[in-house]
Amino acid sequence: RMIERFGTGSQDDRLVAFSLMPELVGRSLEEFRVDDEAGPDINLIYGSGHVAAAQPDVVRCLFEGQVAGHAAGAPQRTLVISLNGKISAVTRTIQDDALPGWFTVLAPEADFHAGDNDLQIFELRTTNGEQILHPCSVTDGETDG
């Protein structure tokens, strides 16, 4: 059943496609309204928009972080990871009082290129049926882990 659900690791691997909102993945940011009202501050613990030119096959496509000030018991927040102008992944903050505001998500390796990629994180909010992106300020707290 695991292979059926997540794939074998081949090029058509479904693990990354196993997204919270797969209908958004791959869409251009230009298809959405980006609001002036900022989203929450994000402390990005793991993951980066950079791929070393000397090792272009090593892509750190796992993102892990924490929404600053997210209190235990607060409603989940929906976060959108964008690389180079398109949505690469959608996730929510974890509902665990021991890890308030934490999130983890995989982005497809194919969305990266060698060098610096345009990484943006947004909070997705729906107002009157319209999905609106709110840009988050991202602090890079990445470790070498």
C-alpha atoms as a PDB file:
ATOM      1  CA  ARG A   1       0.000   0.000   0.000  1.00  0.00           C
ATOM      2  CA  MET A   2       2.859   2.421   0.693  1.00  0.00           C
ATOM      3  CA  ILE A   3       4.195   2.117  -2.859  1.00  0.00           C
ATOM      4  CA  GLU A   4       0.683   2.562  -4.228  1.00  0.00           C
ATOM      5  CA  ARG A   5       0.236   5.774  -2.266  1.00  0.00           C
ATOM      6  CA  PHE A   6       3.734   7.299  -2.303  1.00  0.00           C
ATOM      7  CA  GLY A   7       5.404   5.775  -5.363  1.00  0.00           C
ATOM      8  CA  THR A   8       8.735   4.058  -5.765  1.00  0.00           C
ATOM      9  CA  GLY A   9      11.049   7.040  -5.944  1.00  0.00           C
ATOM     10  CA  SER A  10      10.994   7.130  -9.750  1.00  0.00           C
ATOM     11  CA  GLN A  11      10.578  10.353 -11.727  1.00  0.00           C
ATOM     12  CA  ASP A  12       6.800  10.203 -11.331  1.00  0.00           C
ATOM     13  CA  ASP A  13       7.102   9.920  -7.575  1.00  0.00           C
ATOM     14  CA  ARG A  14       3.834  10.750  -5.863  1.00  0.00           C
ATOM     15  CA  LEU A  15       5.313  11.601  -2.458  1.00  0.00           C
ATOM     16  CA  VAL A  16       5.695  15.273  -3.348  1.00  0.00           C
ATOM     17  CA  ALA A  17       2.334  15.291  -5.130  1.00  0.00           C
ATOM     18  CA  PHE A  18       0.761  14.159  -1.846  1.00  0.00           C
ATOM     19  CA  SER A  19      -0.006  17.774  -0.992  1.00  0.00           C
ATOM     20  CA  LEU A  20      -2.571  19.472   1.183  1.00  0.00           C
ATOM     21  CA  MET A  21      -4.012  21.289  -1.842  1.00  0.00           C
ATOM     22  CA  PRO A  22      -2.671  19.563  -4.973  1.00  0.00           C
ATOM     23  CA  GLU A  23      -4.834  21.760  -7.210  1.00  0.00           C
ATOM     24  CA  LEU A  24      -2.603  24.739  -6.292  1.00  0.00           C
ATOM     25  CA  VAL A  25       0.771  23.061  -6.844  1.00  0.00           C
ATOM     26  CA  GLY A  26       2.419  24.149 -10.087  1.00  0.00           C
ATOM     27  CA  ARG A  27       0.270  27.260 -10.521  1.00  0.00           C
ATOM     28  CA  SER A  28       1.836  30.655 -11.108  1.00  0.00           C
ATOM     29  CA  LEU A  29       1.719  33.256  -8.356  1.00  0.00           C
ATOM     30  CA  GLU A  30       0.299  35.620 -10.982  1.00  0.00           C
ATOM     31  CA  GLU A  31      -2.968  33.666 -10.805  1.00  0.00           C
ATOM     32  CA  PHE A  32      -3.526  34.839  -7.225  1.00  0.00           C
ATOM     33  CA  ARG A  33      -4.079  38.127  -5.499  1.00  0.00           C
ATOM     34  CA  VAL A  34      -1.125  38.914  -3.266  1.00  0.00           C
ATOM     35  CA  ASP A  35      -2.392  41.154  -0.506  1.00  0.00           C
ATOM     36  CA  ASP A  36      -0.528  44.082   1.027  1.00  0.00           C
ATOM     37  CA  GLU A  37      -1.422  42.769   4.481  1.00  0.00           C
ATOM     38  CA  ALA A  38       1.545  40.714   5.576  1.00  0.00           C
ATOM     39  CA  GLY A  39       1.304  37.148   6.753  1.00  0.00           C
ATOM     40  CA  PRO A  40       3.077  35.924   9.879  1.00  0.00           C
ATOM     41  CA  ASP A  41       6.830  35.967  10.404  1.00  0.00           C
ATOM     42  CA  ILE A  42       8.415  32.600   9.613  1.00  0.00           C
ATOM     43  CA  ASN A  43      11.584  31.188  11.138  1.00  0.00           C
ATOM     44  CA  LEU A  44      12.838  28.765   8.474  1.00  0.00           C
ATOM     45  CA  ILE A  45      14.836  26.142  10.363  1.00  0.00           C
ATOM     46  CA  TYR A  46      15.627  23.778   7.506  1.00  0.00           C
ATOM     47  CA  GLY A  47      15.499  24.246   3.765  1.00  0.00           C
ATOM     48  CA  SER A  48      16.762  26.851   1.396  1.00  0.00           C
ATOM     49  CA  GLY A  49      16.234  28.405  -1.990  1.00  0.00           C
ATOM     50  CA  HIS A  50      19.909  27.849  -2.799  1.00  0.00           C
ATOM     51  CA  VAL A  51      21.358  24.917  -4.747  1.00  0.00           C
ATOM     52  CA  ALA A  52      25.153  24.791  -4.856  1.00  0.00           C
ATOM     53  CA  ALA A  53      26.392  25.017  -8.442  1.00  0.00           C
ATOM     54  CA  ALA A  54      29.172  22.556  -7.575  1.00  0.00           C
ATOM     55  CA  GLN A  55      26.558  19.981  -6.453  1.00  0.00           C
ATOM     56  CA  PRO A  56      23.393  20.633  -8.488  1.00  0.00           C
ATOM     57  CA  ASP A  57      22.070  17.126  -7.756  1.00  0.00           C
ATOM     58  CA  VAL A  58      21.947  17.863  -4.015  1.00  0.00           C
ATOM     59  CA  VAL A  59      18.687  19.713  -3.518  1.00  0.00           C
ATOM     60  CA  ARG A  60      17.487  20.476  -0.004  1.00  0.00           C
ATOM     61  CA  CYS A  61      13.809  20.289  -0.820  1.00  0.00           C
ATOM     62  CA  LEU A  62      12.566  19.642   2.721  1.00  0.00           C
ATOM     63  CA  PHE A  63      11.347  22.780   4.442  1.00  0.00           C
ATOM     64  CA  GLU A  64      10.778  22.955   8.182  1.00  0.00           C
ATOM     65  CA  GLY A  65      10.055  25.997  10.264  1.00  0.00           C
ATOM     66  CA  GLN A  66       7.895  27.756  12.785  1.00  0.00           C
ATOM     67  CA  VAL A  67       5.384  30.573  12.570  1.00  0.00           C
ATOM     68  CA  ALA A  68       6.532  33.195  15.065  1.00  0.00           C
ATOM     69  CA  GLY A  69       4.107  33.892  17.879  1.00  0.00           C
ATOM     70  CA  HIS A  70       1.802  30.981  17.035  1.00  0.00           C
ATOM     71  CA  ALA A  71       0.312  30.035  20.403  1.00  0.00           C
ATOM     72  CA  ALA A  72      -0.530  26.498  21.466  1.00  0.00           C
ATOM     73  CA  GLY A  73      -4.154  25.766  20.605  1.00  0.00           C
ATOM     74  CA  ALA A  74      -4.351  28.517  17.963  1.00  0.00           C
ATOM     75  CA  PRO A  75      -6.044  27.637  14.653  1.00  0.00           C
ATOM     76  CA  GLN A  76      -3.851  26.085  11.983  1.00  0.00           C
ATOM     77  CA  ARG A  77      -2.387  28.353   9.330  1.00  0.00           C
ATOM     78  CA  THR A  78      -2.157  27.322   5.684  1.00  0.00           C
ATOM     79  CA  LEU A  79       1.263  28.076   4.186  1.00  0.00           C
ATOM     80  CA  VAL A  80       2.279  28.195   0.535  1.00  0.00           C
ATOM     81  CA  ILE A  81       5.883  27.583  -0.544  1.00  0.00           C
ATOM     82  CA  SER A  82       6.731  29.279  -3.830  1.00  0.00           C
ATOM     83  CA  LEU A  83       9.864  28.717  -5.896  1.00  0.00           C
ATOM     84  CA  ASN A  84      10.692  30.856  -8.904  1.00  0.00           C
ATOM     85  CA  GLY A  85       7.198  32.283  -9.236  1.00  0.00           C
ATOM     86  CA  LYS A  86       5.157  29.101  -8.944  1.00  0.00           C
ATOM     87  CA  ILE A  87       3.575  27.228  -6.073  1.00  0.00           C
ATOM     88  CA  SER A  88       5.703  24.236  -5.121  1.00  0.00           C
ATOM     89  CA  ALA A  89       3.972  23.040  -1.945  1.00  0.00           C
ATOM     90  CA  VAL A  90       1.104  23.773   0.421  1.00  0.00           C
ATOM     91  CA  THR A  91       1.027  22.767   4.082  1.00  0.00           C
ATOM     92  CA  ARG A  92      -0.503  23.670   7.427  1.00  0.00           C
ATOM     93  CA  THR A  93       0.969  24.300  10.815  1.00  0.00           C
ATOM     94  CA  ILE A  94       0.996  21.228  13.042  1.00  0.00           C
ATOM     95  CA  GLN A  95      -1.806  20.855  15.589  1.00  0.00           C
ATOM     96  CA  ASP A  96       0.314  19.820  18.547  1.00  0.00           C
ATOM     97  CA  ASP A  97       0.542  21.978  21.653  1.00  0.00           C
ATOM     98  CA  ALA A  98       4.157  20.827  22.107  1.00  0.00           C
ATOM     99  CA  LEU A  99       5.064  22.224  18.641  1.00  0.00           C
ATOM    100  CA  PRO A 100       2.962  25.363  18.169  1.00  0.00           C
ATOM    101  CA  GLY A 101       3.276  26.862  14.718  1.00  0.00           C
ATOM    102  CA  TRP A 102       5.651  24.227  13.319  1.00  0.00           C
ATOM    103  CA  PHE A 103       5.371  23.017   9.727  1.00  0.00           C
ATOM    104  CA  THR A 104       7.182  20.595   7.458  1.00  0.00           C
ATOM    105  CA  VAL A 105       6.752  20.148   3.709  1.00  0.00           C
ATOM    106  CA  LEU A 106       8.568  18.763   0.646  1.00  0.00           C
ATOM    107  CA  ALA A 107       8.959  20.740  -2.570  1.00  0.00           C
ATOM    108  CA  PRO A 108       9.675  18.995  -5.902  1.00  0.00           C
ATOM    109  CA  GLU A 109      13.366  18.909  -6.787  1.00  0.00           C
ATOM    110  CA  ALA A 110      12.431  19.838 -10.360  1.00  0.00           C
ATOM    111  CA  ASP A 111      11.270  23.276  -9.144  1.00  0.00           C
ATOM    112  CA  PHE A 112      14.851  24.213  -8.205  1.00  0.00           C
ATOM    113  CA  HIS A 113      17.754  25.272 -10.415  1.00  0.00           C
ATOM    114  CA  ALA A 114      21.444  25.587  -9.577  1.00  0.00           C
ATOM    115  CA  GLY A 115      22.248  28.798  -7.731  1.00  0.00           C
ATOM    116  CA  ASP A 116      19.804  31.079  -5.920  1.00  0.00           C
ATOM    117  CA  ASN A 117      16.113  30.371  -6.403  1.00  0.00           C
ATOM    118  CA  ASP A 118      13.347  32.852  -5.632  1.00  0.00           C
ATOM    119  CA  LEU A 119      11.900  31.306  -2.441  1.00  0.00           C
ATOM    120  CA  GLN A 120       8.798  32.916  -0.977  1.00  0.00           C
ATOM    121  CA  ILE A 121       6.429  31.773   1.746  1.00  0.00           C
ATOM    122  CA  PHE A 122       2.854  33.003   1.968  1.00  0.00           C
ATOM    123  CA  GLU A 123      -0.058  32.457   4.287  1.00  0.00           C
ATOM    124  CA  LEU A 124      -3.121  31.444   2.285  1.00  0.00           C
ATOM    125  CA  ARG A 125      -6.399  32.912   3.493  1.00  0.00           C
ATOM    126  CA  THR A 126      -9.805  32.571   1.880  1.00  0.00           C
ATOM    127  CA  THR A 127     -12.088  35.604   1.965  1.00  0.00           C
ATOM    128  CA  ASN A 128     -15.532  35.485   0.330  1.00  0.00           C
ATOM    129  CA  GLY A 129     -14.429  32.424  -1.636  1.00  0.00           C
ATOM    130  CA  GLU A 130     -11.265  34.085  -2.985  1.00  0.00           C
ATOM    131  CA  GLN A 131      -7.877  32.564  -2.140  1.00  0.00           C
ATOM    132  CA  ILE A 132      -5.523  35.389  -1.163  1.00  0.00           C
ATOM    133  CA  LEU A 133      -1.790  35.122  -0.540  1.00  0.00           C
ATOM    134  CA  HIS A 134      -0.242  37.126   2.300  1.00  0.00           C
ATOM    135  CA  PRO A 135       3.578  37.416   2.075  1.00  0.00           C
ATOM    136  CA  CYS A 136       5.497  36.204   5.099  1.00  0.00           C
ATOM    137  CA  SER A 137       8.739  37.649   6.337  1.00  0.00           C
ATOM    138  CA  VAL A 138      11.214  34.758   6.421  1.00  0.00           C
ATOM    139  CA  THR A 139      14.126  34.574   8.830  1.00  0.00           C
ATOM    140  CA  ASP A 140      16.668  31.983   7.779  1.00  0.00           C
ATOM    141  CA  GLY A 141      17.504  30.020  10.897  1.00  0.00           C
ATOM    142  CA  GLU A 142      18.753  27.106   8.827  1.00  0.00           C
ATOM    143  CA  THR A 143      21.069  24.606  10.421  1.00  0.00           C
ATOM    144  CA  ASP A 144      23.586  22.327   8.768  1.00  0.00           C
ATOM    145  CA  GLY A 145      21.435  19.322   9.792  1.00  0.00           C
END
